[in-house]
Amino acid sequence: MVEAVEIKSTELIPGEFIETQVKAIADAVGDGEAINALSGGVDSSVVTMLGHKALRNRLKTYFIDNGVMRKDEPQQIVDMFKPFGVNVQIIDAQDQFFDALAGITDPEEKREAITQTFYKDVFGELVKDSGAKYLLQGTILTDIDETIAGIKRQHNVFEQLGIDPQEAFGYKIIEPVVQLRKDGVRKVGEALGLPESVFNRMPFPGPALSARVISEATRERIKTVRTATSIIEEELAETGAFQYMAILHQDKVTGMRDNQRDFGNQIEIRCWDSVDARVATPTHLSHETLTRLANRMVTEVPGVVSVTYNITSKPPSTMEAV
């Protein structure tokens, strides 16, 4: 395993980086084919474009519909990449992921269930069917740092933990942006011609909305946090914040509706100012904004009776709750 040497954003020359990575992908794959794990986030979008430039129709790009994505996300991703000539195929794997998540409450076990289902079961079958020997993915340096430090296991880190993807899953993994952090990836995305809505897109976790549900990520609880997420992203889109999210807590709390006790759900709102996700501070949202968010949550998200706002910086907090 060769340790990734960081290329800082201030030292990055996007054009040279693109040229180097396109050649590296082409050399690694040779005359064969590769498959691509596209989530629609900036990291995987940049890797998709690098792979497309290197391999064209020898890159098979898939969006895995795991049932824990945001509202209407699968079709939005397909439409986003169509103008670039990238054909994205949606794979419906919702049942596989919810079966894997059933009964799991521990955050690390949840991440491991997502990882194994994604890489071994779903992509393992795609690799077998396609004959591809390589998987392109958007691992960045921050993913590795947090995993090795034991802060949280990122689903896309393997060799740094002594796991050989070839042995574990049957294919090799290519990580074109592993030397970069988020701000560097955004620069490359802009240089690749991606629209700002893509290269400046808010970070989203690999385990998707399952990372924003404390305790078991059931279909019902995912539906709740998906609705809350839609409200958050609509209300905070103009803040310029690095990332914002809704967290569904495990414990229910006492509320009151129509002069009766309502024992319901609690949503935690997090909104972050950051550059590279290594450190972050809560965004100073106005009381008017927070009040509007709370009112929409308790009226538009079934079962929600309490809304809180996180005001703890990273560290000691982390940006995601689990």
C-alpha atoms as a PDB file:
ATOM      1  CA  MET A   1       0.000   0.000   0.000  1.00  0.00           C
ATOM      2  CA  VAL A   2       1.358   3.406  -1.025  1.00  0.00           C
ATOM      3  CA  GLU A   3       0.423   6.197   1.369  1.00  0.00           C
ATOM      4  CA  ALA A   4      -1.439   9.040  -0.301  1.00  0.00           C
ATOM      5  CA  VAL A   5       0.625  12.232  -0.389  1.00  0.00           C
ATOM      6  CA  GLU A   6      -1.609  15.245   0.143  1.00  0.00           C
ATOM      7  CA  ILE A   7      -1.924  17.836  -2.583  1.00  0.00           C
ATOM      8  CA  LYS A   8      -3.095  20.967  -0.795  1.00  0.00           C
ATOM      9  CA  SER A   9      -5.699  23.098  -2.466  1.00  0.00           C
ATOM     10  CA  THR A  10      -3.337  26.084  -2.505  1.00  0.00           C
ATOM     11  CA  GLU A  11      -0.736  24.025  -4.407  1.00  0.00           C
ATOM     12  CA  LEU A  12      -3.152  22.247  -6.754  1.00  0.00           C
ATOM     13  CA  ILE A  13      -2.956  22.924 -10.489  1.00  0.00           C
ATOM     14  CA  PRO A  14      -6.288  21.474 -11.648  1.00  0.00           C
ATOM     15  CA  GLY A  15      -5.396  21.049 -15.328  1.00  0.00           C
ATOM     16  CA  GLU A  16      -2.223  19.120 -14.547  1.00  0.00           C
ATOM     17  CA  PHE A  17      -4.038  17.014 -11.946  1.00  0.00           C
ATOM     18  CA  ILE A  18      -6.764  16.094 -14.436  1.00  0.00           C
ATOM     19  CA  GLU A  19      -4.238  15.139 -17.112  1.00  0.00           C
ATOM     20  CA  THR A  20      -2.269  12.993 -14.651  1.00  0.00           C
ATOM     21  CA  GLN A  21      -5.311  11.168 -13.292  1.00  0.00           C
ATOM     22  CA  VAL A  22      -6.901  10.549 -16.684  1.00  0.00           C
ATOM     23  CA  LYS A  23      -3.659   8.918 -17.843  1.00  0.00           C
ATOM     24  CA  ALA A  24      -3.370   6.920 -14.609  1.00  0.00           C
ATOM     25  CA  ILE A  25      -6.905   5.556 -15.010  1.00  0.00           C
ATOM     26  CA  ALA A  26      -6.334   4.682 -18.664  1.00  0.00           C
ATOM     27  CA  ASP A  27      -3.028   2.953 -17.860  1.00  0.00           C
ATOM     28  CA  ALA A  28      -4.512   0.971 -14.974  1.00  0.00           C
ATOM     29  CA  VAL A  29      -7.561  -0.280 -16.877  1.00  0.00           C
ATOM     30  CA  GLY A  30      -5.744  -0.858 -20.153  1.00  0.00           C
ATOM     31  CA  ASP A  31      -8.031  -2.335 -22.814  1.00  0.00           C
ATOM     32  CA  GLY A  32     -10.512  -3.574 -20.215  1.00  0.00           C
ATOM     33  CA  GLU A  33     -13.576  -2.049 -18.618  1.00  0.00           C
ATOM     34  CA  ALA A  34     -14.226  -0.355 -15.303  1.00  0.00           C
ATOM     35  CA  ILE A  35     -17.364   0.358 -13.345  1.00  0.00           C
ATOM     36  CA  ASN A  36     -18.082   3.519 -11.465  1.00  0.00           C
ATOM     37  CA  ALA A  37     -19.885   4.133  -8.187  1.00  0.00           C
ATOM     38  CA  LEU A  38     -21.711   7.449  -8.662  1.00  0.00           C
ATOM     39  CA  SER A  39     -23.575   8.958  -5.726  1.00  0.00           C
ATOM     40  CA  GLY A  40     -23.991  12.453  -7.162  1.00  0.00           C
ATOM     41  CA  GLY A  41     -21.779  14.100  -4.556  1.00  0.00           C
ATOM     42  CA  VAL A  42     -18.828  16.235  -5.635  1.00  0.00           C
ATOM     43  CA  ASP A  43     -16.223  13.489  -5.020  1.00  0.00           C
ATOM     44  CA  SER A  44     -17.945  10.771  -7.040  1.00  0.00           C
ATOM     45  CA  SER A  45     -19.017  13.284  -9.721  1.00  0.00           C
ATOM     46  CA  VAL A  46     -15.417  14.383 -10.262  1.00  0.00           C
ATOM     47  CA  VAL A  47     -14.253  10.762 -10.410  1.00  0.00           C
ATOM     48  CA  THR A  48     -17.026  10.003 -12.905  1.00  0.00           C
ATOM     49  CA  MET A  49     -15.826  12.770 -15.209  1.00  0.00           C
ATOM     50  CA  LEU A  50     -12.167  11.714 -14.876  1.00  0.00           C
ATOM     51  CA  GLY A  51     -13.129   8.136 -15.676  1.00  0.00           C
ATOM     52  CA  HIS A  52     -15.306   9.234 -18.589  1.00  0.00           C
ATOM     53  CA  LYS A  53     -12.456  11.240 -20.089  1.00  0.00           C
ATOM     54  CA  ALA A  54     -10.101   8.270 -19.702  1.00  0.00           C
ATOM     55  CA  LEU A  55     -12.333   5.402 -20.793  1.00  0.00           C
ATOM     56  CA  ARG A  56     -15.452   6.787 -22.513  1.00  0.00           C
ATOM     57  CA  ASN A  57     -17.863   3.896 -23.168  1.00  0.00           C
ATOM     58  CA  ARG A  58     -15.585   1.423 -21.380  1.00  0.00           C
ATOM     59  CA  LEU A  59     -16.695   2.985 -18.098  1.00  0.00           C
ATOM     60  CA  LYS A  60     -20.014   1.646 -16.833  1.00  0.00           C
ATOM     61  CA  THR A  61     -21.557   4.154 -14.421  1.00  0.00           C
ATOM     62  CA  TYR A  62     -24.128   3.020 -11.872  1.00  0.00           C
ATOM     63  CA  PHE A  63     -26.237   4.826  -9.324  1.00  0.00           C
ATOM     64  CA  ILE A  64     -27.196   2.429  -6.548  1.00  0.00           C
ATOM     65  CA  ASP A  65     -30.691   3.181  -5.256  1.00  0.00           C
ATOM     66  CA  ASN A  66     -30.227   1.907  -1.716  1.00  0.00           C
ATOM     67  CA  GLY A  67     -33.490   3.322  -0.388  1.00  0.00           C
ATOM     68  CA  VAL A  68     -31.720   5.778   1.918  1.00  0.00           C
ATOM     69  CA  MET A  69     -31.105   8.652  -0.504  1.00  0.00           C
ATOM     70  CA  ARG A  70     -32.734  12.071  -0.578  1.00  0.00           C
ATOM     71  CA  LYS A  71     -36.053  12.825  -2.255  1.00  0.00           C
ATOM     72  CA  ASP A  72     -36.042  12.168  -6.042  1.00  0.00           C
ATOM     73  CA  GLU A  73     -32.242  11.830  -6.019  1.00  0.00           C
ATOM     74  CA  PRO A  74     -31.769   8.840  -8.387  1.00  0.00           C
ATOM     75  CA  GLN A  75     -33.464  10.467 -11.382  1.00  0.00           C
ATOM     76  CA  GLN A  76     -31.873  13.847 -10.628  1.00  0.00           C
ATOM     77  CA  ILE A  77     -28.417  12.261 -10.902  1.00  0.00           C
ATOM     78  CA  VAL A  78     -29.269  10.571 -14.206  1.00  0.00           C
ATOM     79  CA  ASP A  79     -30.484  13.879 -15.641  1.00  0.00           C
ATOM     80  CA  MET A  80     -27.462  15.750 -14.262  1.00  0.00           C
ATOM     81  CA  PHE A  81     -24.919  13.689 -16.216  1.00  0.00           C
ATOM     82  CA  LYS A  82     -26.826  13.172 -19.453  1.00  0.00           C
ATOM     83  CA  PRO A  83     -25.522  16.426 -21.040  1.00  0.00           C
ATOM     84  CA  PHE A  84     -21.940  15.203 -20.496  1.00  0.00           C
ATOM     85  CA  GLY A  85     -22.576  12.016 -22.448  1.00  0.00           C
ATOM     86  CA  VAL A  86     -22.427   9.892 -19.298  1.00  0.00           C
ATOM     87  CA  ASN A  87     -25.086   7.193 -19.265  1.00  0.00           C
ATOM     88  CA  VAL A  88     -26.024   6.457 -15.645  1.00  0.00           C
ATOM     89  CA  GLN A  89     -27.865   3.231 -14.919  1.00  0.00           C
ATOM     90  CA  ILE A  90     -29.987   3.069 -11.764  1.00  0.00           C
ATOM     91  CA  ILE A  91     -29.780  -0.192  -9.828  1.00  0.00           C
ATOM     92  CA  ASP A  92     -32.698  -0.814  -7.468  1.00  0.00           C
ATOM     93  CA  ALA A  93     -31.140  -2.429  -4.393  1.00  0.00           C
ATOM     94  CA  GLN A  94     -33.481  -1.069  -1.722  1.00  0.00           C
ATOM     95  CA  ASP A  95     -34.561  -4.456  -0.398  1.00  0.00           C
ATOM     96  CA  GLN A  96     -30.960  -5.641  -0.046  1.00  0.00           C
ATOM     97  CA  PHE A  97     -29.937  -2.615   1.988  1.00  0.00           C
ATOM     98  CA  PHE A  98     -32.955  -2.562   4.283  1.00  0.00           C
ATOM     99  CA  ASP A  99     -32.556  -6.292   4.891  1.00  0.00           C
ATOM    100  CA  ALA A 100     -28.902  -5.684   5.816  1.00  0.00           C
ATOM    101  CA  LEU A 101     -29.806  -2.804   8.157  1.00  0.00           C
ATOM    102  CA  ALA A 102     -32.615  -4.640   9.931  1.00  0.00           C
ATOM    103  CA  GLY A 103     -32.172  -4.757  13.695  1.00  0.00           C
ATOM    104  CA  ILE A 104     -28.866  -2.816  13.691  1.00  0.00           C
ATOM    105  CA  THR A 105     -28.568   0.130  16.078  1.00  0.00           C
ATOM    106  CA  ASP A 106     -24.792   0.521  16.556  1.00  0.00           C
ATOM    107  CA  PRO A 107     -23.393   3.229  14.219  1.00  0.00           C
ATOM    108  CA  GLU A 108     -20.281   1.287  13.212  1.00  0.00           C
ATOM    109  CA  GLU A 109     -22.242  -1.906  12.604  1.00  0.00           C
ATOM    110  CA  LYS A 110     -24.645   0.106  10.469  1.00  0.00           C
ATOM    111  CA  ARG A 111     -21.762   1.488   8.405  1.00  0.00           C
ATOM    112  CA  GLU A 112     -20.288  -1.985   8.019  1.00  0.00           C
ATOM    113  CA  ALA A 113     -23.645  -3.367   6.850  1.00  0.00           C
ATOM    114  CA  ILE A 114     -23.841  -0.617   4.228  1.00  0.00           C
ATOM    115  CA  THR A 115     -20.228  -1.263   3.177  1.00  0.00           C
ATOM    116  CA  GLN A 116     -20.583  -5.011   2.780  1.00  0.00           C
ATOM    117  CA  THR A 117     -23.908  -4.765   0.958  1.00  0.00           C
ATOM    118  CA  PHE A 118     -22.589  -2.064  -1.374  1.00  0.00           C
ATOM    119  CA  TYR A 119     -19.200  -3.521  -2.261  1.00  0.00           C
ATOM    120  CA  LYS A 120     -19.633  -7.266  -1.868  1.00  0.00           C
ATOM    121  CA  ASP A 121     -23.246  -7.937  -2.751  1.00  0.00           C
ATOM    122  CA  VAL A 122     -24.393  -5.193  -5.130  1.00  0.00           C
ATOM    123  CA  PHE A 123     -21.164  -4.187  -6.865  1.00  0.00           C
ATOM    124  CA  GLY A 124     -19.818  -7.719  -6.619  1.00  0.00           C
ATOM    125  CA  GLU A 125     -22.690  -8.859  -8.832  1.00  0.00           C
ATOM    126  CA  LEU A 126     -22.266  -5.903 -11.217  1.00  0.00           C
ATOM    127  CA  VAL A 127     -18.560  -6.663 -11.610  1.00  0.00           C
ATOM    128  CA  LYS A 128     -19.288 -10.328 -12.224  1.00  0.00           C
ATOM    129  CA  ASP A 129     -21.927  -9.537 -14.842  1.00  0.00           C
ATOM    130  CA  SER A 130     -19.883  -6.855 -16.609  1.00  0.00           C
ATOM    131  CA  GLY A 131     -16.518  -8.567 -16.566  1.00  0.00           C
ATOM    132  CA  ALA A 132     -14.922  -5.344 -15.265  1.00  0.00           C
ATOM    133  CA  LYS A 133     -11.904  -5.690 -13.035  1.00  0.00           C
ATOM    134  CA  TYR A 134     -11.817  -2.152 -11.616  1.00  0.00           C
ATOM    135  CA  LEU A 135     -14.120   0.051  -9.578  1.00  0.00           C
ATOM    136  CA  LEU A 136     -13.635   3.832  -9.576  1.00  0.00           C
ATOM    137  CA  GLN A 137     -14.668   5.633  -6.403  1.00  0.00           C
ATOM    138  CA  GLY A 138     -14.321   9.064  -4.797  1.00  0.00           C
ATOM    139  CA  THR A 139     -12.346   8.409  -1.621  1.00  0.00           C
ATOM    140  CA  ILE A 140     -10.687  11.624  -0.387  1.00  0.00           C
ATOM    141  CA  LEU A 141      -7.947  12.158   2.175  1.00  0.00           C
ATOM    142  CA  THR A 142     -10.333  13.221   4.938  1.00  0.00           C
ATOM    143  CA  ASP A 143     -12.132   9.853   4.646  1.00  0.00           C
ATOM    144  CA  ILE A 144      -8.847   8.073   5.330  1.00  0.00           C
ATOM    145  CA  ASP A 145      -7.831  10.390   8.187  1.00  0.00           C
ATOM    146  CA  GLU A 146     -11.118   9.924  10.052  1.00  0.00           C
ATOM    147  CA  THR A 147     -11.088   6.156   9.540  1.00  0.00           C
ATOM    148  CA  ILE A 148      -7.505   5.602  10.664  1.00  0.00           C
ATOM    149  CA  ALA A 149      -7.980   7.927  13.654  1.00  0.00           C
ATOM    150  CA  GLY A 150     -10.967   5.861  14.751  1.00  0.00           C
ATOM    151  CA  ILE A 151     -13.341   8.831  14.586  1.00  0.00           C
ATOM    152  CA  LYS A 152     -15.676   6.919  12.287  1.00  0.00           C
ATOM    153  CA  ARG A 153     -15.264   4.166   9.719  1.00  0.00           C
ATOM    154  CA  GLN A 154     -15.849   5.642   6.297  1.00  0.00           C
ATOM    155  CA  HIS A 155     -17.461   3.103   4.008  1.00  0.00           C
ATOM    156  CA  ASN A 156     -14.976   3.647   1.172  1.00  0.00           C
ATOM    157  CA  VAL A 157     -11.675   3.011   2.995  1.00  0.00           C
ATOM    158  CA  PHE A 158     -10.037  -0.418   2.671  1.00  0.00           C
ATOM    159  CA  GLU A 159      -6.304  -0.706   1.936  1.00  0.00           C
ATOM    160  CA  GLN A 160      -5.469   1.711   4.740  1.00  0.00           C
ATOM    161  CA  LEU A 161      -7.128  -0.789   7.113  1.00  0.00           C
ATOM    162  CA  GLY A 162      -5.269  -3.746   5.651  1.00  0.00           C
ATOM    163  CA  ILE A 163      -8.222  -4.885   3.519  1.00  0.00           C
ATOM    164  CA  ASP A 164      -7.389  -6.016  -0.007  1.00  0.00           C
ATOM    165  CA  PRO A 165     -10.444  -5.234  -2.194  1.00  0.00           C
ATOM    166  CA  GLN A 166      -9.303  -7.766  -4.800  1.00  0.00           C
ATOM    167  CA  GLU A 167      -9.337 -10.510  -2.196  1.00  0.00           C
ATOM    168  CA  ALA A 168     -12.433  -9.284  -0.323  1.00  0.00           C
ATOM    169  CA  PHE A 169     -14.660  -8.349  -3.263  1.00  0.00           C
ATOM    170  CA  GLY A 170     -13.042  -9.652  -6.445  1.00  0.00           C
ATOM    171  CA  TYR A 171     -11.976  -6.373  -8.036  1.00  0.00           C
ATOM    172  CA  LYS A 172      -9.431  -3.585  -7.678  1.00  0.00           C
ATOM    173  CA  ILE A 173     -10.383  -0.081  -6.573  1.00  0.00           C
ATOM    174  CA  ILE A 174      -9.027   3.067  -8.235  1.00  0.00           C
ATOM    175  CA  GLU A 175      -9.156   6.275  -6.158  1.00  0.00           C
ATOM    176  CA  PRO A 176      -8.273   9.251  -8.398  1.00  0.00           C
ATOM    177  CA  VAL A 177      -8.921  12.014  -5.808  1.00  0.00           C
ATOM    178  CA  VAL A 178      -7.454  10.313  -2.741  1.00  0.00           C
ATOM    179  CA  GLN A 179      -4.699  12.961  -2.469  1.00  0.00           C
ATOM    180  CA  LEU A 180      -7.212  15.789  -2.160  1.00  0.00           C
ATOM    181  CA  ARG A 181      -9.524  17.234   0.442  1.00  0.00           C
ATOM    182  CA  LYS A 182     -12.943  18.647  -0.339  1.00  0.00           C
ATOM    183  CA  ASP A 183     -11.771  22.124  -1.352  1.00  0.00           C
ATOM    184  CA  GLY A 184      -9.288  20.610  -3.809  1.00  0.00           C
ATOM    185  CA  VAL A 185     -11.907  18.292  -5.309  1.00  0.00           C
ATOM    186  CA  ARG A 186     -14.173  21.286  -5.898  1.00  0.00           C
ATOM    187  CA  LYS A 187     -11.405  23.041  -7.868  1.00  0.00           C
ATOM    188  CA  VAL A 188     -10.950  19.972 -10.058  1.00  0.00           C
ATOM    189  CA  GLY A 189     -14.707  19.718 -10.595  1.00  0.00           C
ATOM    190  CA  GLU A 190     -14.844  23.308 -11.791  1.00  0.00           C
ATOM    191  CA  ALA A 191     -11.923  22.721 -14.154  1.00  0.00           C
ATOM    192  CA  LEU A 192     -13.687  19.651 -15.558  1.00  0.00           C
ATOM    193  CA  GLY A 193     -16.615  21.843 -16.577  1.00  0.00           C
ATOM    194  CA  LEU A 194     -19.101  20.582 -14.027  1.00  0.00           C
ATOM    195  CA  PRO A 195     -21.779  23.168 -13.146  1.00  0.00           C
ATOM    196  CA  GLU A 196     -21.448  24.971  -9.815  1.00  0.00           C
ATOM    197  CA  SER A 197     -24.494  23.113  -8.532  1.00  0.00           C
ATOM    198  CA  VAL A 198     -22.341  19.969  -8.773  1.00  0.00           C
ATOM    199  CA  PHE A 199     -18.790  21.037  -7.871  1.00  0.00           C
ATOM    200  CA  ASN A 200     -20.070  23.136  -4.964  1.00  0.00           C
ATOM    201  CA  ARG A 201     -22.645  20.560  -3.934  1.00  0.00           C
ATOM    202  CA  MET A 202     -23.009  20.000  -0.234  1.00  0.00           C
ATOM    203  CA  PRO A 203     -21.209  16.903   1.150  1.00  0.00           C
ATOM    204  CA  PHE A 204     -23.392  13.865   1.734  1.00  0.00           C
ATOM    205  CA  PRO A 205     -22.343  10.725   3.636  1.00  0.00           C
ATOM    206  CA  GLY A 206     -21.712   7.394   1.926  1.00  0.00           C
ATOM    207  CA  PRO A 207     -24.261   5.625   4.162  1.00  0.00           C
ATOM    208  CA  ALA A 208     -26.674   8.384   3.097  1.00  0.00           C
ATOM    209  CA  LEU A 209     -29.697   9.028   5.317  1.00  0.00           C
ATOM    210  CA  SER A 210     -28.977   5.932   7.421  1.00  0.00           C
ATOM    211  CA  ALA A 211     -26.132   8.010   8.924  1.00  0.00           C
ATOM    212  CA  ARG A 212     -28.733  10.544  10.031  1.00  0.00           C
ATOM    213  CA  VAL A 213     -30.975   8.150  11.898  1.00  0.00           C
ATOM    214  CA  ILE A 214     -29.965   7.353  15.457  1.00  0.00           C
ATOM    215  CA  SER A 215     -30.710   3.668  16.137  1.00  0.00           C
ATOM    216  CA  GLU A 216     -32.280   1.369  13.525  1.00  0.00           C
ATOM    217  CA  ALA A 217     -32.716   2.778  10.016  1.00  0.00           C
ATOM    218  CA  THR A 218     -36.115   1.379   9.103  1.00  0.00           C
ATOM    219  CA  ARG A 219     -38.053   2.393   6.012  1.00  0.00           C
ATOM    220  CA  GLU A 220     -40.409   4.467   8.177  1.00  0.00           C
ATOM    221  CA  ARG A 221     -37.604   6.299  10.005  1.00  0.00           C
ATOM    222  CA  ILE A 222     -35.757   6.953   6.732  1.00  0.00           C
ATOM    223  CA  LYS A 223     -38.982   8.411   5.309  1.00  0.00           C
ATOM    224  CA  THR A 224     -39.196  10.750   8.309  1.00  0.00           C
ATOM    225  CA  VAL A 225     -35.630  12.032   7.995  1.00  0.00           C
ATOM    226  CA  ARG A 226     -35.975  12.295   4.198  1.00  0.00           C
ATOM    227  CA  THR A 227     -38.926  14.670   4.594  1.00  0.00           C
ATOM    228  CA  ALA A 228     -37.050  16.680   7.237  1.00  0.00           C
ATOM    229  CA  THR A 229     -33.980  16.819   4.976  1.00  0.00           C
ATOM    230  CA  SER A 230     -36.034  18.190   2.096  1.00  0.00           C
ATOM    231  CA  ILE A 231     -37.251  21.042   4.327  1.00  0.00           C
ATOM    232  CA  ILE A 232     -33.731  21.795   5.618  1.00  0.00           C
ATOM    233  CA  GLU A 233     -32.223  21.901   2.133  1.00  0.00           C
ATOM    234  CA  GLU A 234     -34.984  24.167   0.878  1.00  0.00           C
ATOM    235  CA  GLU A 235     -34.750  26.600   3.796  1.00  0.00           C
ATOM    236  CA  LEU A 236     -30.941  26.775   4.111  1.00  0.00           C
ATOM    237  CA  ALA A 237     -29.948  26.697   0.428  1.00  0.00           C
ATOM    238  CA  GLU A 238     -29.039  30.396   0.413  1.00  0.00           C
ATOM    239  CA  THR A 239     -26.968  30.394   3.618  1.00  0.00           C
ATOM    240  CA  GLY A 240     -23.669  29.546   1.919  1.00  0.00           C
ATOM    241  CA  ALA A 241     -23.015  26.981   4.654  1.00  0.00           C
ATOM    242  CA  PHE A 242     -20.642  24.081   3.998  1.00  0.00           C
ATOM    243  CA  GLN A 243     -23.184  21.448   5.037  1.00  0.00           C
ATOM    244  CA  TYR A 244     -26.569  21.184   6.719  1.00  0.00           C
ATOM    245  CA  MET A 245     -28.669  18.229   7.758  1.00  0.00           C
ATOM    246  CA  ALA A 246     -31.526  16.813   9.793  1.00  0.00           C
ATOM    247  CA  ILE A 247     -30.901  14.108  12.409  1.00  0.00           C
ATOM    248  CA  LEU A 248     -33.678  11.837  13.680  1.00  0.00           C
ATOM    249  CA  HIS A 249     -33.028  10.965  17.313  1.00  0.00           C
ATOM    250  CA  GLN A 250     -33.715   7.600  18.891  1.00  0.00           C
ATOM    251  CA  ASP A 251     -35.572   8.701  22.000  1.00  0.00           C
ATOM    252  CA  LYS A 252     -39.063  10.067  21.699  1.00  0.00           C
ATOM    253  CA  VAL A 253     -40.083  13.123  23.698  1.00  0.00           C
ATOM    254  CA  THR A 254     -43.330  14.427  25.117  1.00  0.00           C
ATOM    255  CA  GLY A 255     -45.217  16.981  23.056  1.00  0.00           C
ATOM    256  CA  MET A 256     -48.757  18.311  22.902  1.00  0.00           C
ATOM    257  CA  ARG A 257     -51.237  18.574  20.065  1.00  0.00           C
ATOM    258  CA  ASP A 258     -54.901  19.566  20.273  1.00  0.00           C
ATOM    259  CA  ASN A 259     -54.629  19.781  24.073  1.00  0.00           C
ATOM    260  CA  GLN A 260     -53.506  16.160  24.260  1.00  0.00           C
ATOM    261  CA  ARG A 261     -50.179  14.521  25.028  1.00  0.00           C
ATOM    262  CA  ASP A 262     -48.254  13.552  21.877  1.00  0.00           C
ATOM    263  CA  PHE A 263     -45.242  11.297  22.478  1.00  0.00           C
ATOM    264  CA  GLY A 264     -43.265  11.922  19.293  1.00  0.00           C
ATOM    265  CA  ASN A 265     -39.978  12.265  17.438  1.00  0.00           C
ATOM    266  CA  GLN A 266     -37.169  14.755  17.893  1.00  0.00           C
ATOM    267  CA  ILE A 267     -35.283  16.269  14.945  1.00  0.00           C
ATOM    268  CA  GLU A 268     -31.851  17.833  15.451  1.00  0.00           C
ATOM    269  CA  ILE A 269     -30.729  20.399  12.896  1.00  0.00           C
ATOM    270  CA  ARG A 270     -27.013  20.790  12.125  1.00  0.00           C
ATOM    271  CA  CYS A 271     -25.570  23.516   9.900  1.00  0.00           C
ATOM    272  CA  TRP A 272     -21.811  23.922   9.454  1.00  0.00           C
ATOM    273  CA  ASP A 273     -19.257  26.472   8.283  1.00  0.00           C
ATOM    274  CA  SER A 274     -16.067  24.746   7.116  1.00  0.00           C
ATOM    275  CA  VAL A 275     -13.488  24.588   4.339  1.00  0.00           C
ATOM    276  CA  ASP A 276     -12.268  20.991   4.294  1.00  0.00           C
ATOM    277  CA  ALA A 277     -14.456  19.210   6.906  1.00  0.00           C
ATOM    278  CA  ARG A 278     -11.536  18.694   9.299  1.00  0.00           C
ATOM    279  CA  VAL A 279     -12.773  21.462  11.560  1.00  0.00           C
ATOM    280  CA  ALA A 280     -16.164  23.167  11.531  1.00  0.00           C
ATOM    281  CA  THR A 281     -18.245  25.663  13.453  1.00  0.00           C
ATOM    282  CA  PRO A 282     -22.052  25.869  13.654  1.00  0.00           C
ATOM    283  CA  THR A 283     -23.477  28.476  11.301  1.00  0.00           C
ATOM    284  CA  HIS A 284     -24.994  31.490  13.045  1.00  0.00           C
ATOM    285  CA  LEU A 285     -28.567  31.142  11.846  1.00  0.00           C
ATOM    286  CA  SER A 286     -31.047  33.842  12.760  1.00  0.00           C
ATOM    287  CA  HIS A 287     -33.731  33.131  15.338  1.00  0.00           C
ATOM    288  CA  GLU A 288     -36.285  33.819  12.615  1.00  0.00           C
ATOM    289  CA  THR A 289     -34.766  31.079  10.430  1.00  0.00           C
ATOM    290  CA  LEU A 290     -34.626  28.574  13.282  1.00  0.00           C
ATOM    291  CA  THR A 291     -38.225  29.339  14.238  1.00  0.00           C
ATOM    292  CA  ARG A 292     -39.393  28.855  10.657  1.00  0.00           C
ATOM    293  CA  LEU A 293     -37.537  25.540  10.441  1.00  0.00           C
ATOM    294  CA  ALA A 294     -39.042  24.328  13.713  1.00  0.00           C
ATOM    295  CA  ASN A 295     -42.558  25.293  12.646  1.00  0.00           C
ATOM    296  CA  ARG A 296     -42.225  23.477   9.328  1.00  0.00           C
ATOM    297  CA  MET A 297     -40.780  20.368  10.982  1.00  0.00           C
ATOM    298  CA  VAL A 298     -43.614  19.951  13.468  1.00  0.00           C
ATOM    299  CA  THR A 299     -46.327  20.672  10.893  1.00  0.00           C
ATOM    300  CA  GLU A 300     -44.943  18.932   7.775  1.00  0.00           C
ATOM    301  CA  VAL A 301     -43.058  15.921   9.169  1.00  0.00           C
ATOM    302  CA  PRO A 302     -45.464  13.389  10.687  1.00  0.00           C
ATOM    303  CA  GLY A 303     -44.739  12.524  14.310  1.00  0.00           C
ATOM    304  CA  VAL A 304     -42.216  15.291  15.044  1.00  0.00           C
ATOM    305  CA  VAL A 305     -42.891  17.266  18.238  1.00  0.00           C
ATOM    306  CA  SER A 306     -39.438  18.719  19.068  1.00  0.00           C
ATOM    307  CA  VAL A 307     -36.694  20.475  17.084  1.00  0.00           C
ATOM    308  CA  THR A 308     -33.185  21.362  18.339  1.00  0.00           C
ATOM    309  CA  TYR A 309     -30.119  23.074  16.837  1.00  0.00           C
ATOM    310  CA  ASN A 310     -26.562  21.823  17.435  1.00  0.00           C
ATOM    311  CA  ILE A 311     -24.159  24.558  18.627  1.00  0.00           C
ATOM    312  CA  THR A 312     -21.037  22.463  19.304  1.00  0.00           C
ATOM    313  CA  SER A 313     -18.005  22.901  17.032  1.00  0.00           C
ATOM    314  CA  LYS A 314     -15.978  20.111  15.392  1.00  0.00           C
ATOM    315  CA  PRO A 315     -14.025  18.982  17.347  1.00  0.00           C
ATOM    316  CA  PRO A 316     -15.245  17.707  19.784  1.00  0.00           C
ATOM    317  CA  SER A 317     -18.457  17.204  17.789  1.00  0.00           C
ATOM    318  CA  THR A 318     -18.427  15.592  14.361  1.00  0.00           C
ATOM    319  CA  MET A 319     -20.357  16.901  11.379  1.00  0.00           C
ATOM    320  CA  GLU A 320     -22.513  13.793  11.045  1.00  0.00           C
ATOM    321  CA  ALA A 321     -24.227  12.407  14.121  1.00  0.00           C
ATOM    322  CA  VAL A 322     -23.216   8.750  13.594  1.00  0.00           C
END
